[in-house]
Protein backbone atom coordinates (compact mmCIF):
# COMPACT_ATOMS: atom_id res chain seq x y z
CA UNK A 1 12.71 -9.26 10.35
CA UNK A 2 14.76 -6.44 11.82
CA UNK A 3 18.33 -5.64 10.86
CA UNK A 4 20.77 -6.93 13.54
CA UNK A 5 22.66 -4.25 15.46
CA UNK A 6 25.96 -5.71 14.26
CA UNK A 7 24.99 -5.22 10.59
CA UNK A 8 26.89 -2.67 8.50
CA UNK A 9 25.50 -0.61 5.64
CA UNK A 10 27.57 -1.57 2.58
CA UNK A 11 25.57 0.27 -0.08
CA UNK A 12 23.24 3.27 -0.09
CA UNK A 13 20.91 3.45 -3.07
CA UNK A 14 18.13 5.75 -4.17
CA UNK A 15 15.46 3.33 -2.96
CA UNK A 16 17.32 0.48 -1.26
CA UNK A 17 20.13 0.34 1.31
CA UNK A 18 22.05 -2.93 1.67
CA UNK A 19 23.15 -4.24 5.07
CA UNK A 20 25.49 -7.19 5.70
CA UNK A 21 26.60 -9.00 8.83
CA UNK A 22 28.57 -12.14 9.77
CA UNK A 23 26.29 -14.96 10.88
CA UNK A 24 27.44 -18.05 12.74
CA UNK A 25 26.03 -21.20 11.17
CA UNK A 26 24.94 -24.44 12.87
CA UNK A 27 28.23 -26.18 12.03
CA UNK A 28 30.32 -23.37 13.55
CA UNK A 29 31.27 -21.73 10.27
CA UNK A 30 30.52 -18.08 9.54
CA UNK A 31 28.61 -16.80 6.50
CA UNK A 32 27.73 -13.30 5.34
CA UNK A 33 24.01 -12.54 5.60
CA UNK A 34 22.38 -9.65 3.76
CA UNK A 35 19.16 -7.69 3.91
CA UNK A 36 17.73 -4.66 2.13
CA UNK A 37 16.03 -1.70 3.77
CA UNK A 38 13.72 0.65 1.91
CA UNK A 39 11.65 3.62 2.97
CA UNK A 40 8.16 2.87 4.24
CA UNK A 41 5.27 3.50 1.89
CA UNK A 42 1.58 4.34 1.93
CA UNK A 43 -1.39 3.01 -0.04
CA UNK A 44 -4.65 4.95 -0.13
CA UNK A 45 -8.14 3.62 -0.84
CA UNK A 46 -10.15 6.75 -1.77
CA UNK A 47 -13.93 6.78 -1.97
CA UNK A 48 -16.05 9.32 -3.83
CA UNK A 49 -19.74 8.79 -3.11
CA UNK A 50 -20.35 5.08 -3.66
CA UNK A 51 -17.26 4.62 -5.85
CA UNK A 52 -13.62 3.72 -5.22
CA UNK A 53 -11.00 5.79 -7.01
CA UNK A 54 -8.23 3.71 -8.57
CA UNK A 55 -5.43 4.78 -10.86
CA UNK A 56 -4.52 3.54 -14.30
CA UNK A 57 -0.88 4.43 -14.62
CA UNK A 58 2.24 4.02 -16.67
CA UNK A 59 5.87 4.50 -15.73
CA UNK A 60 8.82 4.79 -18.14
CA UNK A 61 9.72 1.10 -17.75
CA UNK A 62 6.18 -0.33 -17.72
CA UNK A 63 3.04 -0.64 -19.75
CA UNK A 64 -0.30 0.54 -18.38
CA UNK A 65 -1.44 -1.10 -15.14
CA UNK A 66 -4.11 -0.59 -12.48
CA UNK A 67 -3.29 0.25 -8.88
CA UNK A 68 -4.31 2.42 -5.94
CA UNK A 69 -2.77 5.82 -5.15
CA UNK A 70 0.47 5.09 -3.32
CA UNK A 71 4.04 6.18 -2.78
CA UNK A 72 7.15 6.19 -0.65
CA UNK A 73 7.61 8.21 2.51
CA UNK A 74 10.63 9.96 1.07
CA UNK A 75 10.35 13.34 2.79
CA UNK A 76 12.46 13.57 5.95
CA UNK A 77 10.27 13.70 9.07
CA UNK A 78 7.06 13.03 7.17
CA UNK A 79 4.45 10.97 9.03
CA UNK A 80 2.53 8.16 7.30
CA UNK A 81 -0.67 10.24 7.51
CA UNK A 82 0.89 13.28 5.84
CA UNK A 83 2.47 11.06 3.18
CA UNK A 84 -0.93 9.53 2.41
CA UNK A 85 -2.59 12.94 2.07
CA UNK A 86 0.26 14.19 -0.12
CA UNK A 87 0.30 11.17 -2.44
CA UNK A 88 -3.49 11.21 -2.78
CA UNK A 89 -3.51 14.89 -3.72
CA UNK A 90 -0.58 14.59 -6.13
CA UNK A 91 -1.87 11.53 -7.98
CA UNK A 92 -5.60 12.26 -8.03
CA UNK A 93 -6.26 15.85 -6.93
CA UNK A 94 -8.57 14.43 -4.25
CA UNK A 95 -8.89 15.47 -0.60
CA UNK A 96 -10.81 13.27 1.89
CA UNK A 97 -13.41 14.23 4.47
CA UNK A 98 -11.58 11.88 6.79
CA UNK A 99 -8.48 9.71 6.58
CA UNK A 100 -8.44 6.51 8.63
CA UNK A 101 -5.51 4.12 9.09
CA UNK A 102 -6.87 0.70 8.21
CA UNK A 103 -3.90 -1.64 8.57
CA UNK A 104 -0.12 -1.84 8.55
CA UNK A 105 1.50 -4.52 6.41
CA UNK A 106 5.09 -5.55 7.02
CA UNK A 107 6.32 -8.00 4.39
CA UNK A 108 8.51 -10.86 5.54
CA UNK A 109 11.68 -11.73 3.72
CA UNK A 110 14.84 -9.92 2.70
CA UNK A 111 13.40 -6.41 2.29
CA UNK A 112 12.60 -4.51 5.48
CA UNK A 113 9.81 -1.92 5.23
CA UNK A 114 6.22 -1.19 6.24
CA UNK A 115 3.19 -0.36 4.11
CA UNK A 116 0.47 1.81 5.69
CA UNK A 117 -3.02 1.34 4.26
CA UNK A 118 -5.36 4.33 4.63
CA UNK A 119 -9.04 4.72 3.83
CA UNK A 120 -9.71 8.19 2.39
CA UNK A 121 -13.46 8.51 2.85
CA UNK A 122 -15.70 11.13 1.25
CA UNK A 123 -13.14 12.54 -1.19
CA UNK A 124 -13.66 15.65 -3.31
CA UNK A 125 -11.53 16.97 -6.13
CA UNK A 126 -9.78 20.12 -4.96
CA UNK A 127 -6.95 20.50 -7.48
CA UNK A 128 -5.38 19.19 -10.63
CA UNK A 129 -2.96 16.29 -10.48
CA UNK A 130 0.68 17.11 -9.73
CA UNK A 131 2.50 14.22 -11.36
CA UNK A 132 6.25 13.84 -11.58
CA UNK A 133 8.08 13.27 -14.86
CA UNK A 134 7.95 9.49 -14.46
CA UNK A 135 4.19 9.19 -14.05
CA UNK A 136 1.19 9.04 -16.33
CA UNK A 137 -1.95 8.56 -14.25
CA UNK A 138 -5.63 8.42 -15.12
CA UNK A 139 -8.14 8.32 -12.25
CA UNK A 140 -10.94 5.78 -12.69
CA UNK A 141 -13.97 5.24 -10.43
CA UNK A 142 -15.26 1.75 -9.65
CA UNK A 143 -18.16 0.38 -7.65
CA UNK A 144 -17.24 -2.12 -4.95
CA UNK A 145 -18.29 -5.01 -7.20
CA UNK A 146 -16.18 -3.69 -10.07
CA UNK A 147 -13.26 -3.17 -7.70
CA UNK A 148 -13.48 -6.75 -6.45
CA UNK A 149 -13.36 -8.07 -10.02
CA UNK A 150 -10.05 -6.31 -10.65
CA UNK A 151 -8.29 -9.42 -9.36
CA UNK A 152 -9.25 -11.04 -12.69
CA UNK A 153 -7.07 -8.53 -14.53
CA UNK A 154 -3.39 -9.55 -14.82
CA UNK A 155 -2.47 -5.86 -15.21
CA UNK A 156 -3.91 -4.97 -11.81
CA UNK A 157 -1.25 -4.76 -9.08
CA UNK A 158 -2.91 -4.54 -5.66
CA UNK A 159 -0.33 -6.60 -3.78
CA UNK A 160 -1.39 -7.88 -0.33
CA UNK A 161 -4.85 -6.33 -0.76
CA UNK A 162 -5.64 -9.17 -3.17
CA UNK A 163 -6.12 -11.48 -0.17
CA UNK A 164 -8.86 -9.22 1.24
CA UNK A 165 -10.50 -8.93 -2.18
CA UNK A 166 -10.50 -12.65 -2.92
CA UNK A 167 -12.01 -13.40 0.49
CA UNK A 168 -14.69 -10.78 -0.16
CA UNK A 169 -15.53 -12.44 -3.46
CA UNK A 170 -16.24 -15.79 -1.86
CA UNK A 171 -17.56 -14.88 1.61
CA UNK A 172 -20.53 -12.63 2.26
CA UNK A 173 -19.16 -11.65 5.67
CA UNK A 174 -15.89 -10.47 4.15
CA UNK A 175 -17.71 -8.48 1.48
CA UNK A 176 -19.70 -6.71 4.19
CA UNK A 177 -16.46 -6.08 6.09
CA UNK A 178 -14.77 -4.49 3.06
CA UNK A 179 -17.82 -2.35 2.33
CA UNK A 180 -17.75 -1.01 5.89
CA UNK A 181 -13.98 -0.55 5.80
CA UNK A 182 -14.05 1.46 2.56
CA UNK A 183 -17.24 3.50 2.96
CA UNK A 184 -17.85 3.69 6.73
CA UNK A 185 -14.38 3.25 8.27
CA UNK A 186 -15.29 4.79 11.63
CA UNK A 187 -18.00 2.11 12.02
CA UNK A 188 -15.69 -0.73 11.09
CA UNK A 189 -16.87 -4.04 12.58
CA UNK A 190 -14.53 -6.75 13.79
CA UNK A 191 -12.95 -8.62 10.88
CA UNK A 192 -14.47 -12.05 10.16
CA UNK A 193 -12.47 -14.85 11.78
CA UNK A 194 -11.60 -16.28 8.36
CA UNK A 195 -11.06 -12.86 6.81
CA UNK A 196 -8.51 -10.05 6.92
CA UNK A 197 -7.07 -8.84 10.20
CA UNK A 198 -6.93 -5.14 11.00
CA UNK A 199 -3.15 -5.26 11.36
CA UNK A 200 -1.21 -7.89 9.45
């Protein structure tokens, strides 16, 4: 949900900004409503040959966990595409043959932001990782079948992508769809009617 025009920013944080506004209730009373806004982010699904590159990472406040290369769009004027290429290079040292926007996910609820999912097809290593002081990242390569089984691991944090993965594990059509999406994104067929949409 969007922030109403009458909302005022009452706090500016490093990641989150807090907006409040007066909201008339059904009984005629007025209550203060609140919503958070954060910078949009990108998630990249890189492929190298017939493998998917995932990251095993640790941050100062966490143990090790599995994820995909990702990050915030925190450079002024940066497009989602450039953010995806930057995050992929920084976290993995990989550069794709082609980068294709797969879907845009906008969570519902109290936090307003978008997540851009990109397929980075045909990646090659072109540099060393350039990690910041709060990252420890190991790049790991998984086949599609191994990638799908990551949903069994409680230390794997793939967020909304879990829905696509679980559907692919139980429906042949969805597995074919994910294979095409990850390894042949320019030939992507229409999503199965019971499977993931191209734009959530």
